[in-house]
Amino acid sequence: MQDAAKAVGALGRAAGLEQAARRRSGWYARYLWAFAGGQLVLVPIAVLWHGPVSAAVFAVTNALLVTGLSVYAARQRVVRRGFGVKHGVLVGSWAVVFALSITLGTAAFGHGVPFAAVAALACALPLAVGAWTETRSAV
């Protein structure tokens, strides 16, 4: 009987730990929302502006975004199971859409404001979907 009580206690502690991890894993959704919001600024800069000033503004803005997000992510104590795969898929899909947007935007559409708006939304979409699914699974 004592072994059964110990096993029940261990299972209870494990369930409590899992619940705490789920509650604290909401940071990744906030991370993805900030990353998606950054795309609404960075993509139009990359598509609409040309020249060295544009490159400098893009580089500084991107460096600030990536640094801020990296510091925020490094300070988090909880990473749920499957995080690496999910993050890899999200960032990989964002990278493909971003590369296509910049390539098409500079080669075919030039200074097209409508294309820049659509490209910004397209680049933010995989991140926003990831944030939404993360919010739903963190509950």
N, C-alpha and C. Protein backbone atom coordinates (compact mmCIF):
# COMPACT_ATOMS: atom_id res chain seq x y z
N MET A 1 0.80 -1.19 0.00
CA MET A 1 0.00 0.00 0.00
C MET A 1 0.85 1.26 0.00
N GLN A 2 1.94 1.21 0.71
CA GLN A 2 2.78 2.39 0.79
C GLN A 2 3.39 2.73 -0.58
N ASP A 3 3.72 1.73 -1.37
CA ASP A 3 4.25 1.97 -2.72
C ASP A 3 3.20 2.63 -3.60
N ALA A 4 1.95 2.20 -3.46
CA ALA A 4 0.87 2.79 -4.25
C ALA A 4 0.68 4.26 -3.87
N ALA A 5 0.79 4.57 -2.60
CA ALA A 5 0.65 5.97 -2.15
C ALA A 5 1.79 6.82 -2.69
N LYS A 6 2.98 6.28 -2.70
CA LYS A 6 4.13 7.01 -3.26
C LYS A 6 3.94 7.26 -4.76
N ALA A 7 3.44 6.24 -5.45
CA ALA A 7 3.21 6.38 -6.89
C ALA A 7 2.14 7.43 -7.17
N VAL A 8 1.07 7.44 -6.38
CA VAL A 8 0.01 8.43 -6.56
C VAL A 8 0.57 9.83 -6.29
N GLY A 9 1.38 9.95 -5.26
CA GLY A 9 1.99 11.24 -4.94
C GLY A 9 2.91 11.73 -6.05
N ALA A 10 3.70 10.81 -6.62
CA ALA A 10 4.60 11.17 -7.71
C ALA A 10 3.82 11.60 -8.95
N LEU A 11 2.74 10.89 -9.25
CA LEU A 11 1.90 11.26 -10.39
C LEU A 11 1.24 12.62 -10.17
N GLY A 12 0.84 12.90 -8.95
CA GLY A 12 0.24 14.20 -8.63
C GLY A 12 1.25 15.33 -8.81
N ARG A 13 2.48 15.11 -8.37
CA ARG A 13 3.52 16.13 -8.54
C ARG A 13 3.84 16.34 -10.02
N ALA A 14 3.87 15.25 -10.79
CA ALA A 14 4.13 15.35 -12.23
C ALA A 14 3.02 16.12 -12.93
N ALA A 15 1.77 15.85 -12.55
CA ALA A 15 0.64 16.57 -13.15
C ALA A 15 0.71 18.06 -12.79
N GLY A 16 1.08 18.36 -11.57
CA GLY A 16 1.22 19.76 -11.15
C GLY A 16 2.34 20.47 -11.91
N LEU A 17 3.43 19.76 -12.13
CA LEU A 17 4.55 20.33 -12.89
C LEU A 17 4.15 20.58 -14.33
N GLU A 18 3.41 19.64 -14.92
CA GLU A 18 2.95 19.83 -16.30
C GLU A 18 2.01 21.02 -16.41
N GLN A 19 1.13 21.16 -15.44
CA GLN A 19 0.18 22.28 -15.46
C GLN A 19 0.93 23.61 -15.31
N ALA A 20 1.93 23.67 -14.44
CA ALA A 20 2.72 24.89 -14.29
C ALA A 20 3.48 25.21 -15.57
N ALA A 21 4.00 24.19 -16.22
CA ALA A 21 4.72 24.41 -17.48
C ALA A 21 3.77 24.96 -18.55
N ARG A 22 2.57 24.44 -18.62
CA ARG A 22 1.59 24.95 -19.60
C ARG A 22 1.24 26.41 -19.32
N ARG A 23 1.04 26.75 -18.04
CA ARG A 23 0.70 28.13 -17.69
C ARG A 23 1.84 29.08 -18.04
N ARG A 24 3.05 28.67 -17.80
CA ARG A 24 4.21 29.54 -18.01
C ARG A 24 4.72 29.54 -19.44
N SER A 25 4.18 28.69 -20.30
CA SER A 25 4.66 28.63 -21.66
C SER A 25 3.98 29.66 -22.57
N GLY A 26 3.14 30.51 -22.04
CA GLY A 26 2.50 31.56 -22.82
C GLY A 26 3.49 32.59 -23.34
N TRP A 27 4.71 32.56 -22.85
CA TRP A 27 5.72 33.52 -23.31
C TRP A 27 5.99 33.36 -24.79
N TYR A 28 5.90 32.14 -25.31
CA TYR A 28 6.22 31.92 -26.71
C TYR A 28 5.19 32.57 -27.62
N ALA A 29 3.93 32.59 -27.20
CA ALA A 29 2.90 33.28 -27.99
C ALA A 29 3.21 34.77 -28.04
N ARG A 30 3.60 35.36 -26.92
CA ARG A 30 3.97 36.79 -26.91
C ARG A 30 5.18 37.04 -27.79
N TYR A 31 6.14 36.14 -27.76
CA TYR A 31 7.32 36.23 -28.61
C TYR A 31 6.92 36.25 -30.08
N LEU A 32 6.04 35.33 -30.47
CA LEU A 32 5.61 35.25 -31.87
C LEU A 32 4.78 36.46 -32.28
N TRP A 33 3.93 36.97 -31.38
CA TRP A 33 3.16 38.18 -31.72
C TRP A 33 4.08 39.36 -31.94
N ALA A 34 5.12 39.50 -31.12
CA ALA A 34 6.08 40.60 -31.31
C ALA A 34 6.85 40.43 -32.61
N PHE A 35 7.23 39.20 -32.93
CA PHE A 35 7.94 38.92 -34.17
C PHE A 35 7.04 39.24 -35.38
N ALA A 36 5.77 38.85 -35.30
CA ALA A 36 4.82 39.14 -36.37
C ALA A 36 4.62 40.64 -36.52
N GLY A 37 4.51 41.34 -35.41
CA GLY A 37 4.37 42.80 -35.47
C GLY A 37 5.58 43.47 -36.09
N GLY A 38 6.74 42.93 -35.82
CA GLY A 38 7.96 43.46 -36.42
C GLY A 38 7.98 43.34 -37.93
N GLN A 39 7.32 42.32 -38.44
CA GLN A 39 7.27 42.14 -39.89
C GLN A 39 6.47 43.24 -40.56
N LEU A 40 5.50 43.78 -39.85
CA LEU A 40 4.69 44.85 -40.41
C LEU A 40 5.50 46.14 -40.60
N VAL A 41 6.64 46.22 -39.93
CA VAL A 41 7.53 47.37 -40.09
C VAL A 41 8.70 47.02 -41.01
N LEU A 42 9.30 45.86 -40.79
CA LEU A 42 10.52 45.50 -41.52
C LEU A 42 10.29 45.22 -43.01
N VAL A 43 9.22 44.54 -43.35
CA VAL A 43 9.00 44.18 -44.75
C VAL A 43 8.78 45.41 -45.62
N PRO A 44 7.93 46.37 -45.21
CA PRO A 44 7.82 47.58 -46.04
C PRO A 44 9.13 48.35 -46.17
N ILE A 45 9.93 48.37 -45.12
CA ILE A 45 11.24 49.03 -45.21
C ILE A 45 12.08 48.35 -46.28
N ALA A 46 12.10 47.03 -46.26
CA ALA A 46 12.93 46.28 -47.21
C ALA A 46 12.41 46.38 -48.64
N VAL A 47 11.09 46.44 -48.81
CA VAL A 47 10.52 46.44 -50.16
C VAL A 47 10.49 47.84 -50.77
N LEU A 48 10.12 48.84 -49.97
CA LEU A 48 9.89 50.18 -50.52
C LEU A 48 11.13 51.05 -50.61
N TRP A 49 12.03 50.92 -49.68
CA TRP A 49 13.22 51.78 -49.68
C TRP A 49 14.36 51.07 -50.39
N HIS A 50 15.21 51.87 -51.02
CA HIS A 50 16.40 51.33 -51.68
C HIS A 50 17.58 52.23 -51.35
N GLY A 51 18.75 51.65 -51.31
CA GLY A 51 19.95 52.42 -51.05
C GLY A 51 20.55 52.14 -49.69
N PRO A 52 21.66 52.82 -49.41
CA PRO A 52 22.39 52.54 -48.17
C PRO A 52 21.64 52.98 -46.90
N VAL A 53 20.87 54.06 -46.97
CA VAL A 53 20.13 54.50 -45.79
C VAL A 53 19.07 53.45 -45.43
N SER A 54 18.39 52.95 -46.43
CA SER A 54 17.40 51.90 -46.20
C SER A 54 18.03 50.66 -45.59
N ALA A 55 19.18 50.28 -46.11
CA ALA A 55 19.88 49.10 -45.59
C ALA A 55 20.27 49.31 -44.13
N ALA A 56 20.73 50.50 -43.80
CA ALA A 56 21.13 50.79 -42.42
C ALA A 56 19.93 50.79 -41.48
N VAL A 57 18.83 51.41 -41.90
CA VAL A 57 17.63 51.43 -41.06
C VAL A 57 17.09 50.01 -40.87
N PHE A 58 17.07 49.23 -41.96
CA PHE A 58 16.60 47.85 -41.88
C PHE A 58 17.49 47.04 -40.94
N ALA A 59 18.80 47.17 -41.09
CA ALA A 59 19.73 46.39 -40.26
C ALA A 59 19.59 46.75 -38.79
N VAL A 60 19.49 48.02 -38.47
CA VAL A 60 19.38 48.44 -37.07
C VAL A 60 18.04 47.99 -36.48
N THR A 61 16.97 48.19 -37.22
CA THR A 61 15.64 47.79 -36.74
C THR A 61 15.58 46.27 -36.55
N ASN A 62 16.10 45.53 -37.50
CA ASN A 62 16.10 44.07 -37.40
C ASN A 62 16.99 43.61 -36.24
N ALA A 63 18.14 44.24 -36.07
CA ALA A 63 19.02 43.87 -34.96
C ALA A 63 18.35 44.13 -33.61
N LEU A 64 17.65 45.25 -33.49
CA LEU A 64 16.95 45.55 -32.24
C LEU A 64 15.84 44.53 -31.97
N LEU A 65 15.09 44.18 -33.00
CA LEU A 65 14.02 43.20 -32.85
C LEU A 65 14.58 41.84 -32.44
N VAL A 66 15.58 41.36 -33.16
CA VAL A 66 16.15 40.04 -32.88
C VAL A 66 16.82 40.01 -31.51
N THR A 67 17.53 41.07 -31.16
CA THR A 67 18.19 41.12 -29.85
C THR A 67 17.16 41.12 -28.73
N GLY A 68 16.14 41.95 -28.87
CA GLY A 68 15.10 42.00 -27.84
C GLY A 68 14.39 40.67 -27.68
N LEU A 69 14.04 40.04 -28.79
CA LEU A 69 13.36 38.75 -28.72
C LEU A 69 14.28 37.67 -28.16
N SER A 70 15.55 37.70 -28.52
CA SER A 70 16.50 36.70 -28.02
C SER A 70 16.72 36.84 -26.53
N VAL A 71 16.84 38.05 -26.03
CA VAL A 71 17.00 38.27 -24.59
C VAL A 71 15.75 37.81 -23.87
N TYR A 72 14.58 38.14 -24.41
CA TYR A 72 13.32 37.72 -23.81
C TYR A 72 13.22 36.20 -23.76
N ALA A 73 13.55 35.53 -24.86
CA ALA A 73 13.46 34.07 -24.90
C ALA A 73 14.46 33.41 -23.96
N ALA A 74 15.65 33.98 -23.86
CA ALA A 74 16.69 33.38 -23.01
C ALA A 74 16.33 33.47 -21.53
N ARG A 75 15.50 34.43 -21.17
CA ARG A 75 15.13 34.61 -19.76
C ARG A 75 13.96 33.71 -19.33
N GLN A 76 13.39 32.99 -20.26
CA GLN A 76 12.25 32.13 -19.93
C GLN A 76 12.74 30.81 -19.37
N ARG A 77 12.02 30.31 -18.37
CA ARG A 77 12.46 29.09 -17.70
C ARG A 77 11.76 27.85 -18.21
N VAL A 78 10.68 28.01 -18.95
CA VAL A 78 9.88 26.87 -19.36
C VAL A 78 9.85 26.78 -20.88
N VAL A 79 10.20 25.60 -21.39
CA VAL A 79 10.07 25.31 -22.82
C VAL A 79 9.32 23.99 -22.91
N ARG A 80 8.19 24.02 -23.59
CA ARG A 80 7.37 22.82 -23.68
C ARG A 80 7.95 21.81 -24.67
N ARG A 81 7.48 20.59 -24.55
CA ARG A 81 7.90 19.52 -25.45
C ARG A 81 7.48 19.87 -26.88
N GLY A 82 8.37 19.64 -27.82
CA GLY A 82 8.07 19.94 -29.22
C GLY A 82 8.38 21.37 -29.61
N PHE A 83 8.95 22.15 -28.70
CA PHE A 83 9.23 23.56 -28.97
C PHE A 83 10.20 23.72 -30.14
N GLY A 84 11.26 22.94 -30.17
CA GLY A 84 12.27 23.09 -31.22
C GLY A 84 11.71 22.83 -32.61
N VAL A 85 10.90 21.81 -32.73
CA VAL A 85 10.30 21.50 -34.02
C VAL A 85 9.34 22.61 -34.43
N LYS A 86 8.48 23.02 -33.51
CA LYS A 86 7.51 24.07 -33.83
C LYS A 86 8.22 25.36 -34.21
N HIS A 87 9.21 25.75 -33.44
CA HIS A 87 9.95 26.98 -33.73
C HIS A 87 10.66 26.87 -35.07
N GLY A 88 11.25 25.73 -35.34
CA GLY A 88 11.94 25.53 -36.62
C GLY A 88 10.99 25.64 -37.81
N VAL A 89 9.82 25.05 -37.69
CA VAL A 89 8.82 25.12 -38.77
C VAL A 89 8.34 26.55 -38.96
N LEU A 90 8.05 27.23 -37.86
CA LEU A 90 7.55 28.61 -37.97
C LEU A 90 8.60 29.55 -38.56
N VAL A 91 9.81 29.50 -38.04
CA VAL A 91 10.85 30.39 -38.55
C VAL A 91 11.24 30.01 -39.98
N GLY A 92 11.25 28.72 -40.29
CA GLY A 92 11.53 28.29 -41.66
C GLY A 92 10.48 28.76 -42.64
N SER A 93 9.20 28.65 -42.27
CA SER A 93 8.15 29.12 -43.17
C SER A 93 8.18 30.64 -43.30
N TRP A 94 8.47 31.33 -42.20
CA TRP A 94 8.62 32.79 -42.28
C TRP A 94 9.78 33.14 -43.22
N ALA A 95 10.90 32.45 -43.11
CA ALA A 95 12.07 32.76 -43.93
C ALA A 95 11.78 32.57 -45.41
N VAL A 96 11.05 31.53 -45.75
CA VAL A 96 10.69 31.30 -47.16
C VAL A 96 9.80 32.43 -47.67
N VAL A 97 8.77 32.79 -46.91
CA VAL A 97 7.86 33.86 -47.33
C VAL A 97 8.61 35.19 -47.39
N PHE A 98 9.48 35.45 -46.42
CA PHE A 98 10.25 36.70 -46.39
C PHE A 98 11.16 36.79 -47.61
N ALA A 99 11.88 35.71 -47.91
CA ALA A 99 12.79 35.71 -49.06
C ALA A 99 12.03 35.91 -50.36
N LEU A 100 10.90 35.24 -50.51
CA LEU A 100 10.08 35.42 -51.71
C LEU A 100 9.55 36.86 -51.81
N SER A 101 9.12 37.40 -50.69
CA SER A 101 8.59 38.77 -50.69
C SER A 101 9.65 39.78 -51.08
N ILE A 102 10.83 39.65 -50.53
CA ILE A 102 11.89 40.61 -50.84
C ILE A 102 12.34 40.43 -52.29
N THR A 103 12.48 39.20 -52.72
CA THR A 103 12.91 38.95 -54.10
C THR A 103 11.89 39.48 -55.10
N LEU A 104 10.62 39.12 -54.91
CA LEU A 104 9.58 39.61 -55.82
C LEU A 104 9.40 41.12 -55.70
N GLY A 105 9.48 41.61 -54.48
CA GLY A 105 9.28 43.05 -54.27
C GLY A 105 10.33 43.90 -54.93
N THR A 106 11.56 43.48 -54.90
CA THR A 106 12.62 44.28 -55.52
C THR A 106 12.73 44.01 -57.01
N ALA A 107 12.46 42.80 -57.45
CA ALA A 107 12.62 42.47 -58.87
C ALA A 107 11.41 42.84 -59.72
N ALA A 108 10.23 42.58 -59.21
CA ALA A 108 9.05 42.73 -60.06
C ALA A 108 8.19 43.94 -59.73
N PHE A 109 8.07 44.27 -58.44
CA PHE A 109 7.10 45.29 -58.07
C PHE A 109 7.71 46.63 -57.68
N GLY A 110 9.00 46.71 -57.54
CA GLY A 110 9.66 47.99 -57.25
C GLY A 110 9.15 48.65 -56.00
N HIS A 111 8.58 49.82 -56.16
CA HIS A 111 8.11 50.62 -55.02
C HIS A 111 6.61 50.47 -54.81
N GLY A 112 6.04 49.34 -55.11
CA GLY A 112 4.60 49.14 -55.00
C GLY A 112 4.13 49.05 -53.57
N VAL A 113 3.39 50.05 -53.12
CA VAL A 113 2.86 50.06 -51.75
C VAL A 113 1.87 48.92 -51.53
N PRO A 114 0.97 48.63 -52.47
CA PRO A 114 0.07 47.49 -52.23
C PRO A 114 0.83 46.17 -52.05
N PHE A 115 1.87 45.96 -52.86
CA PHE A 115 2.65 44.74 -52.71
C PHE A 115 3.35 44.71 -51.35
N ALA A 116 3.88 45.85 -50.91
CA ALA A 116 4.56 45.90 -49.61
C ALA A 116 3.58 45.57 -48.48
N ALA A 117 2.35 46.05 -48.58
CA ALA A 117 1.35 45.76 -47.54
C ALA A 117 1.00 44.27 -47.53
N VAL A 118 0.78 43.71 -48.70
CA VAL A 118 0.44 42.28 -48.78
C VAL A 118 1.63 41.42 -48.33
N ALA A 119 2.84 41.81 -48.72
CA ALA A 119 4.03 41.06 -48.32
C ALA A 119 4.23 41.10 -46.81
N ALA A 120 3.98 42.27 -46.20
CA ALA A 120 4.12 42.38 -44.74
C ALA A 120 3.12 41.46 -44.04
N LEU A 121 1.90 41.44 -44.53
CA LEU A 121 0.89 40.56 -43.93
C LEU A 121 1.24 39.09 -44.17
N ALA A 122 1.75 38.78 -45.36
CA ALA A 122 2.13 37.39 -45.66
C ALA A 122 3.28 36.94 -44.77
N CYS A 123 4.22 37.82 -44.50
CA CYS A 123 5.35 37.46 -43.63
C CYS A 123 4.91 37.32 -42.17
N ALA A 124 3.93 38.09 -41.77
CA ALA A 124 3.45 38.01 -40.40
C ALA A 124 2.51 36.82 -40.18
N LEU A 125 1.90 36.33 -41.25
CA LEU A 125 0.89 35.28 -41.12
C LEU A 125 1.39 33.99 -40.45
N PRO A 126 2.52 33.39 -40.89
CA PRO A 126 2.95 32.15 -40.21
C PRO A 126 3.21 32.37 -38.72
N LEU A 127 3.74 33.52 -38.37
CA LEU A 127 4.05 33.81 -36.97
C LEU A 127 2.77 34.02 -36.17
N ALA A 128 1.80 34.71 -36.77
CA ALA A 128 0.52 34.93 -36.09
C ALA A 128 -0.23 33.62 -35.90
N VAL A 129 -0.20 32.76 -36.89
CA VAL A 129 -0.85 31.44 -36.76
C VAL A 129 -0.16 30.64 -35.66
N GLY A 130 1.16 30.69 -35.62
CA GLY A 130 1.90 29.99 -34.56
C GLY A 130 1.57 30.55 -33.19
N ALA A 131 1.45 31.87 -33.07
CA ALA A 131 1.10 32.48 -31.79
C ALA A 131 -0.31 32.06 -31.37
N TRP A 132 -1.23 32.03 -32.33
CA TRP A 132 -2.60 31.64 -32.02
C TRP A 132 -2.66 30.19 -31.55
N THR A 133 -1.96 29.28 -32.25
CA THR A 133 -1.97 27.88 -31.82
C THR A 133 -1.28 27.69 -30.48
N GLU A 134 -0.24 28.47 -30.25
CA GLU A 134 0.45 28.39 -28.95
C GLU A 134 -0.44 28.87 -27.83
N THR A 135 -1.20 29.91 -28.07
CA THR A 135 -2.13 30.41 -27.05
C THR A 135 -3.18 29.36 -26.73
N ARG A 136 -3.68 28.70 -27.75
CA ARG A 136 -4.70 27.69 -27.53
C ARG A 136 -4.15 26.47 -26.79
N SER A 137 -2.90 26.09 -27.06
CA SER A 137 -2.36 24.90 -26.40
C SER A 137 -1.79 25.17 -25.02
N ALA A 138 -1.59 26.45 -24.68
CA ALA A 138 -1.04 26.80 -23.37
C ALA A 138 -2.11 26.79 -22.28
N VAL A 139 -3.36 26.74 -22.65
CA VAL A 139 -4.43 26.78 -21.67
C VAL A 139 -4.60 25.46 -20.97
